[in-house]
C-alpha atoms as a PDB file:
ATOM      1  CA  UNK A   1      -0.166   0.236   0.166  1.00  0.00           C
ATOM      2  CA  UNK A   2       0.918   3.490  -0.574  1.00  0.00           C
ATOM      3  CA  UNK A   3       3.017   5.055   1.973  1.00  0.00           C
ATOM      4  CA  UNK A   4       5.124   8.462   3.136  1.00  0.00           C
ATOM      5  CA  UNK A   5       8.084   6.020   3.054  1.00  0.00           C
ATOM      6  CA  UNK A   6       7.993   5.659  -0.704  1.00  0.00           C
ATOM      7  CA  UNK A   7       9.810   9.397  -0.637  1.00  0.00           C
ATOM      8  CA  UNK A   8      12.926   7.781   1.088  1.00  0.00           C
ATOM      9  CA  UNK A   9      15.248   7.939  -1.791  1.00  0.00           C
ATOM     10  CA  UNK A  10      14.468  11.390  -3.222  1.00  0.00           C
ATOM     11  CA  UNK A  11      14.649  12.681   1.176  1.00  0.00           C
ATOM     12  CA  UNK A  12      17.911  10.519   1.025  1.00  0.00           C
ATOM     13  CA  UNK A  13      19.769  12.637  -1.914  1.00  0.00           C
ATOM     14  CA  UNK A  14      18.917  15.795   0.076  1.00  0.00           C
ATOM     15  CA  UNK A  15      20.478  15.023   2.706  1.00  0.00           C
ATOM     16  CA  UNK A  16      24.032  13.318   1.248  1.00  0.00           C
ATOM     17  CA  UNK A  17      25.813  16.220   1.461  1.00  0.00           C
ATOM     18  CA  UNK A  18      25.122  16.489   5.341  1.00  0.00           C
ATOM     19  CA  UNK A  19      25.306  12.994   6.119  1.00  0.00           C
ATOM     20  CA  UNK A  20      29.117  13.224   4.229  1.00  0.00           C
ATOM     21  CA  UNK A  21      30.090  16.538   6.232  1.00  0.00           C
ATOM     22  CA  UNK A  22      28.920  14.418   9.451  1.00  0.00           C
ATOM     23  CA  UNK A  23      31.162  11.592   8.302  1.00  0.00           C
ATOM     24  CA  UNK A  24      34.621  13.730   8.171  1.00  0.00           C
ATOM     25  CA  UNK A  25      33.462  14.956  11.497  1.00  0.00           C
ATOM     26  CA  UNK A  26      34.149  11.394  12.707  1.00  0.00           C
ATOM     27  CA  UNK A  27      30.448  11.182  13.837  1.00  0.00           C
ATOM     28  CA  UNK A  28      29.063   6.997  13.001  1.00  0.00           C
ATOM     29  CA  UNK A  29      25.845   5.580  12.298  1.00  0.00           C
ATOM     30  CA  UNK A  30      25.387   4.939  16.115  1.00  0.00           C
ATOM     31  CA  UNK A  31      25.976   8.244  17.244  1.00  0.00           C
ATOM     32  CA  UNK A  32      23.419   9.527  14.772  1.00  0.00           C
ATOM     33  CA  UNK A  33      20.762   6.258  16.357  1.00  0.00           C
ATOM     34  CA  UNK A  34      21.405   7.241  19.530  1.00  0.00           C
ATOM     35  CA  UNK A  35      21.076  10.722  19.327  1.00  0.00           C
ATOM     36  CA  UNK A  36      17.663  10.517  17.644  1.00  0.00           C
ATOM     37  CA  UNK A  37      16.475   8.681  20.298  1.00  0.00           C
ATOM     38  CA  UNK A  38      17.479  11.241  22.977  1.00  0.00           C
ATOM     39  CA  UNK A  39      16.418  14.134  20.966  1.00  0.00           C
ATOM     40  CA  UNK A  40      12.660  11.924  21.017  1.00  0.00           C
ATOM     41  CA  UNK A  41      12.495  11.548  24.879  1.00  0.00           C
ATOM     42  CA  UNK A  42      13.589  15.151  25.184  1.00  0.00           C
ATOM     43  CA  UNK A  43      11.397  16.303  22.787  1.00  0.00           C
ATOM     44  CA  UNK A  44       8.501  13.902  24.588  1.00  0.00           C
ATOM     45  CA  UNK A  45       9.013  15.344  27.982  1.00  0.00           C
ATOM     46  CA  UNK A  46       8.834  18.906  26.338  1.00  0.00           C
ATOM     47  CA  UNK A  47       5.016  18.509  24.333  1.00  0.00           C
ATOM     48  CA  UNK A  48       3.831  16.563  27.503  1.00  0.00           C
ATOM     49  CA  UNK A  49       4.660  18.976  30.277  1.00  0.00           C
ATOM     50  CA  UNK A  50       5.051  22.133  28.137  1.00  0.00           C
ATOM     51  CA  UNK A  51       2.333  21.711  25.435  1.00  0.00           C
ATOM     52  CA  UNK A  52       4.686  22.795  23.008  1.00  0.00           C
ATOM     53  CA  UNK A  53       2.938  21.113  19.786  1.00  0.00           C
ATOM     54  CA  UNK A  54       5.338  23.276  17.864  1.00  0.00           C
ATOM     55  CA  UNK A  55       7.996  20.663  18.481  1.00  0.00           C
ATOM     56  CA  UNK A  56       6.249  17.444  16.993  1.00  0.00           C
ATOM     57  CA  UNK A  57       6.370  18.775  13.269  1.00  0.00           C
ATOM     58  CA  UNK A  58      10.141  20.375  14.017  1.00  0.00           C
ATOM     59  CA  UNK A  59      11.571  17.127  15.839  1.00  0.00           C
ATOM     60  CA  UNK A  60      10.107  14.392  13.667  1.00  0.00           C
ATOM     61  CA  UNK A  61      11.242  16.233  10.563  1.00  0.00           C
ATOM     62  CA  UNK A  62      14.793  16.228  12.074  1.00  0.00           C
ATOM     63  CA  UNK A  63      14.393  12.410  13.401  1.00  0.00           C
ATOM     64  CA  UNK A  64      13.159  11.067   9.847  1.00  0.00           C
ATOM     65  CA  UNK A  65      16.822  13.266   8.483  1.00  0.00           C
ATOM     66  CA  UNK A  66      18.579  11.316  11.363  1.00  0.00           C
ATOM     67  CA  UNK A  67      17.164   8.102  10.542  1.00  0.00           C
ATOM     68  CA  UNK A  68      17.844   8.412   6.759  1.00  0.00           C
ATOM     69  CA  UNK A  69      21.390   9.461   7.509  1.00  0.00           C
ATOM     70  CA  UNK A  70      22.430   7.029   9.637  1.00  0.00           C
ATOM     71  CA  UNK A  71      21.661   4.157   7.254  1.00  0.00           C
ATOM     72  CA  UNK A  72      23.133   5.997   4.447  1.00  0.00           C
ATOM     73  CA  UNK A  73      26.521   6.296   6.868  1.00  0.00           C
ATOM     74  CA  UNK A  74      26.334   2.680   7.152  1.00  0.00           C
ATOM     75  CA  UNK A  75      25.896   1.227   4.299  1.00  0.00           C
ATOM     76  CA  UNK A  76      27.932   4.096   1.802  1.00  0.00           C
ATOM     77  CA  UNK A  77      31.231   4.085   3.968  1.00  0.00           C
ATOM     78  CA  UNK A  78      30.984   0.016   5.017  1.00  0.00           C
ATOM     79  CA  UNK A  79      30.340   1.238   8.632  1.00  0.00           C
ATOM     80  CA  UNK A  80      27.548  -1.769   8.720  1.00  0.00           C
ATOM     81  CA  UNK A  81      27.767  -3.863  11.942  1.00  0.00           C
ATOM     82  CA  UNK A  82      25.417  -5.882  14.108  1.00  0.00           C
ATOM     83  CA  UNK A  83      25.292  -3.251  16.828  1.00  0.00           C
ATOM     84  CA  UNK A  84      24.171  -0.773  14.578  1.00  0.00           C
ATOM     85  CA  UNK A  85      21.788  -3.249  13.275  1.00  0.00           C
ATOM     86  CA  UNK A  86      20.332  -3.547  16.635  1.00  0.00           C
ATOM     87  CA  UNK A  87      20.333  -0.132  17.847  1.00  0.00           C
ATOM     88  CA  UNK A  88      18.654   0.663  14.712  1.00  0.00           C
ATOM     89  CA  UNK A  89      15.324  -1.577  15.085  1.00  0.00           C
ATOM     90  CA  UNK A  90      15.469  -0.997  18.821  1.00  0.00           C
ATOM     91  CA  UNK A  91      16.277   2.808  18.679  1.00  0.00           C
ATOM     92  CA  UNK A  92      12.830   3.293  16.227  1.00  0.00           C
ATOM     93  CA  UNK A  93      10.643   1.785  18.977  1.00  0.00           C
ATOM     94  CA  UNK A  94      12.049   3.587  21.783  1.00  0.00           C
ATOM     95  CA  UNK A  95      11.886   6.794  19.827  1.00  0.00           C
ATOM     96  CA  UNK A  96       8.085   6.190  18.375  1.00  0.00           C
ATOM     97  CA  UNK A  97       7.258   5.464  22.551  1.00  0.00           C
ATOM     98  CA  UNK A  98       9.097   8.624  23.880  1.00  0.00           C
ATOM     99  CA  UNK A  99       7.423  10.747  21.262  1.00  0.00           C
ATOM    100  CA  UNK A 100       3.884   9.071  21.334  1.00  0.00           C
ATOM    101  CA  UNK A 101       2.672   7.982  24.596  1.00  0.00           C
ATOM    102  CA  UNK A 102       3.465  11.401  26.193  1.00  0.00           C
ATOM    103  CA  UNK A 103       0.300  12.546  24.326  1.00  0.00           C
ATOM    104  CA  UNK A 104      -1.313  10.727  26.532  1.00  0.00           C
ATOM    105  CA  UNK A 105      -0.599  13.356  28.912  1.00  0.00           C
ATOM    106  CA  UNK A 106      -1.811  16.479  27.196  1.00  0.00           C
ATOM    107  CA  UNK A 107      -5.497  15.767  28.188  1.00  0.00           C
ATOM    108  CA  UNK A 108      -7.419  13.186  29.426  1.00  0.00           C
ATOM    109  CA  UNK A 109      -9.521  12.401  26.440  1.00  0.00           C
ATOM    110  CA  UNK A 110      -6.385  11.052  24.481  1.00  0.00           C
ATOM    111  CA  UNK A 111      -5.233   8.474  27.054  1.00  0.00           C
ATOM    112  CA  UNK A 112      -6.454   5.442  25.654  1.00  0.00           C
ATOM    113  CA  UNK A 113      -6.390   6.846  21.963  1.00  0.00           C
ATOM    114  CA  UNK A 114      -2.327   7.640  22.394  1.00  0.00           C
ATOM    115  CA  UNK A 115      -1.340   4.769  24.453  1.00  0.00           C
ATOM    116  CA  UNK A 116      -3.664   2.044  21.605  1.00  0.00           C
ATOM    117  CA  UNK A 117      -1.529   4.288  18.870  1.00  0.00           C
ATOM    118  CA  UNK A 118       1.710   3.799  20.681  1.00  0.00           C
ATOM    119  CA  UNK A 119       1.445   0.056  21.248  1.00  0.00           C
ATOM    120  CA  UNK A 120       0.481  -0.425  17.811  1.00  0.00           C
ATOM    121  CA  UNK A 121       3.710   1.762  16.358  1.00  0.00           C
ATOM    122  CA  UNK A 122       5.605  -1.068  18.440  1.00  0.00           C
ATOM    123  CA  UNK A 123       3.854  -3.746  16.456  1.00  0.00           C
ATOM    124  CA  UNK A 124       3.862  -2.335  13.121  1.00  0.00           C
ATOM    125  CA  UNK A 125       8.275  -2.344  13.571  1.00  0.00           C
ATOM    126  CA  UNK A 126       7.865  -5.856  15.643  1.00  0.00           C
ATOM    127  CA  UNK A 127       6.074  -7.491  12.204  1.00  0.00           C
ATOM    128  CA  UNK A 128       8.735  -5.808  10.142  1.00  0.00           C
ATOM    129  CA  UNK A 129      11.601  -7.157  11.918  1.00  0.00           C
ATOM    130  CA  UNK A 130       9.784 -10.486  11.726  1.00  0.00           C
ATOM    131  CA  UNK A 131       9.663 -10.754   8.916  1.00  0.00           C
ATOM    132  CA  UNK A 132      13.414 -11.103   8.486  1.00  0.00           C
ATOM    133  CA  UNK A 133      13.342 -13.145  11.455  1.00  0.00           C
ATOM    134  CA  UNK A 134      11.324 -15.759   9.212  1.00  0.00           C
ATOM    135  CA  UNK A 135      14.186 -15.617   6.298  1.00  0.00           C
ATOM    136  CA  UNK A 136      12.124 -12.922   4.141  1.00  0.00           C
ATOM    137  CA  UNK A 137      12.890  -9.217   3.516  1.00  0.00           C
ATOM    138  CA  UNK A 138      12.557  -6.482   6.731  1.00  0.00           C
ATOM    139  CA  UNK A 139       9.353  -5.312   5.605  1.00  0.00           C
ATOM    140  CA  UNK A 140       8.108  -1.669   5.229  1.00  0.00           C
ATOM    141  CA  UNK A 141       4.594  -1.708   3.933  1.00  0.00           C
ATOM    142  CA  UNK A 142       1.882   0.894   4.729  1.00  0.00           C
ATOM    143  CA  UNK A 143      -0.272   2.464   5.350  1.00  0.00           C
ATOM    144  CA  UNK A 144       0.852   3.549   9.022  1.00  0.00           C
ATOM    145  CA  UNK A 145       4.740   2.724   9.009  1.00  0.00           C
ATOM    146  CA  UNK A 146       7.273   4.849  10.807  1.00  0.00           C
ATOM    147  CA  UNK A 147       7.474   7.608   7.852  1.00  0.00           C
ATOM    148  CA  UNK A 148       3.368   7.924   8.083  1.00  0.00           C
ATOM    149  CA  UNK A 149       3.244   8.043  11.712  1.00  0.00           C
ATOM    150  CA  UNK A 150       5.469  10.734  11.833  1.00  0.00           C
ATOM    151  CA  UNK A 151       3.763  12.626   8.854  1.00  0.00           C
ATOM    152  CA  UNK A 152       0.308  12.712  10.625  1.00  0.00           C
ATOM    153  CA  UNK A 153       1.602  13.458  14.120  1.00  0.00           C
ATOM    154  CA  UNK A 154       3.531  16.135  12.709  1.00  0.00           C
ATOM    155  CA  UNK A 155       0.712  17.776  10.720  1.00  0.00           C
ATOM    156  CA  UNK A 156      -1.619  17.105  14.375  1.00  0.00           C
ATOM    157  CA  UNK A 157       0.659  19.044  16.038  1.00  0.00           C
ATOM    158  CA  UNK A 158       0.879  21.909  13.837  1.00  0.00           C
ATOM    159  CA  UNK A 159      -2.775  22.333  13.141  1.00  0.00           C
ATOM    160  CA  UNK A 160      -2.999  22.119  17.245  1.00  0.00           C
ATOM    161  CA  UNK A 161      -0.528  24.743  17.831  1.00  0.00           C
ATOM    162  CA  UNK A 162      -1.746  27.362  15.059  1.00  0.00           C
ATOM    163  CA  UNK A 163      -5.375  26.123  16.414  1.00  0.00           C
ATOM    164  CA  UNK A 164      -5.703  24.480  19.850  1.00  0.00           C
ATOM    165  CA  UNK A 165      -9.422  23.802  19.315  1.00  0.00           C
ATOM    166  CA  UNK A 166      -8.405  21.037  16.573  1.00  0.00           C
ATOM    167  CA  UNK A 167      -7.182  18.777  19.550  1.00  0.00           C
ATOM    168  CA  UNK A 168     -10.911  17.967  19.955  1.00  0.00           C
ATOM    169  CA  UNK A 169     -10.806  15.703  16.933  1.00  0.00           C
ATOM    170  CA  UNK A 170      -7.255  13.911  18.253  1.00  0.00           C
ATOM    171  CA  UNK A 171      -8.980  11.071  20.038  1.00  0.00           C
ATOM    172  CA  UNK A 172     -10.732  10.188  17.061  1.00  0.00           C
ATOM    173  CA  UNK A 173      -7.687  10.938  14.261  1.00  0.00           C
ATOM    174  CA  UNK A 174      -5.446   8.605  16.531  1.00  0.00           C
ATOM    175  CA  UNK A 175      -8.170   5.865  17.069  1.00  0.00           C
ATOM    176  CA  UNK A 176      -8.062   5.892  13.264  1.00  0.00           C
ATOM    177  CA  UNK A 177      -4.154   5.756  12.800  1.00  0.00           C
ATOM    178  CA  UNK A 178      -4.002   3.087  15.039  1.00  0.00           C
ATOM    179  CA  UNK A 179      -6.705   0.524  13.114  1.00  0.00           C
ATOM    180  CA  UNK A 180      -4.408   1.443  10.147  1.00  0.00           C
ATOM    181  CA  UNK A 181      -1.525   0.646  12.218  1.00  0.00           C
ATOM    182  CA  UNK A 182      -3.436  -2.803  13.012  1.00  0.00           C
ATOM    183  CA  UNK A 183      -3.687  -2.956   8.789  1.00  0.00           C
ATOM    184  CA  UNK A 184      -0.386  -2.320   8.799  1.00  0.00           C
ATOM    185  CA  UNK A 185       0.496  -5.273  10.912  1.00  0.00           C
ATOM    186  CA  UNK A 186      -1.682  -7.491   8.853  1.00  0.00           C
ATOM    187  CA  UNK A 187       0.163  -6.114   5.258  1.00  0.00           C
ATOM    188  CA  UNK A 188       3.513  -6.363   6.886  1.00  0.00           C
ATOM    189  CA  UNK A 189       2.690 -10.157   7.636  1.00  0.00           C
ATOM    190  CA  UNK A 190       0.816 -10.970   4.872  1.00  0.00           C
ATOM    191  CA  UNK A 191       3.875  -9.527   2.821  1.00  0.00           C
ATOM    192  CA  UNK A 192       6.245 -11.862   4.156  1.00  0.00           C
ATOM    193  CA  UNK A 193       4.462 -15.399   3.835  1.00  0.00           C
ATOM    194  CA  UNK A 194       3.916 -14.299   0.168  1.00  0.00           C
ATOM    195  CA  UNK A 195       7.519 -13.529   0.049  1.00  0.00           C
ATOM    196  CA  UNK A 196       8.453 -16.690   1.343  1.00  0.00           C
ATOM    197  CA  UNK A 197       5.988 -18.977  -0.749  1.00  0.00           C
ATOM    198  CA  UNK A 198       7.449 -17.514  -4.174  1.00  0.00           C
ATOM    199  CA  UNK A 199      11.010 -18.390  -2.851  1.00  0.00           C
END
């Protein structure tokens, strides 16, 4: 299914000069991955306790850039490692939880929907990695993959900052997004099983 992830090659081309400069400065993929997790923890805390909704689109864009850069560094400078693979997958899940779970603290009505959304976000990444464990490729199927979640929450944060009254719709939006997350899990499992059958 269509996903914002499909735009990743173009995004990577834009980031390549920055990635090359960071590498020349001595930064390595694992440094970038850890920075993304730490930044997500800080951003989630600031959103939850200060209500800085404007920070959501700003940080989520920065996080997606860091996620793209660490992968490019590893591949293009022969810095791939088993530890890096572990940090990459674990870092994505931790970053998601650090950003999305604090949304439940913004208002009581968001407790269930935001928590459910965060759980389904974790499950989609689990299903993506599980396909590799089964012997298939890592699955990135949509419609609610990592990039799609970032785009959605970033847009919601921007709308909430400009027009705070839109927060009344967040429980419904996050509920629908959680349902899309479940569908994403199904798509990823189906894709993995289909790939295995076709081998």
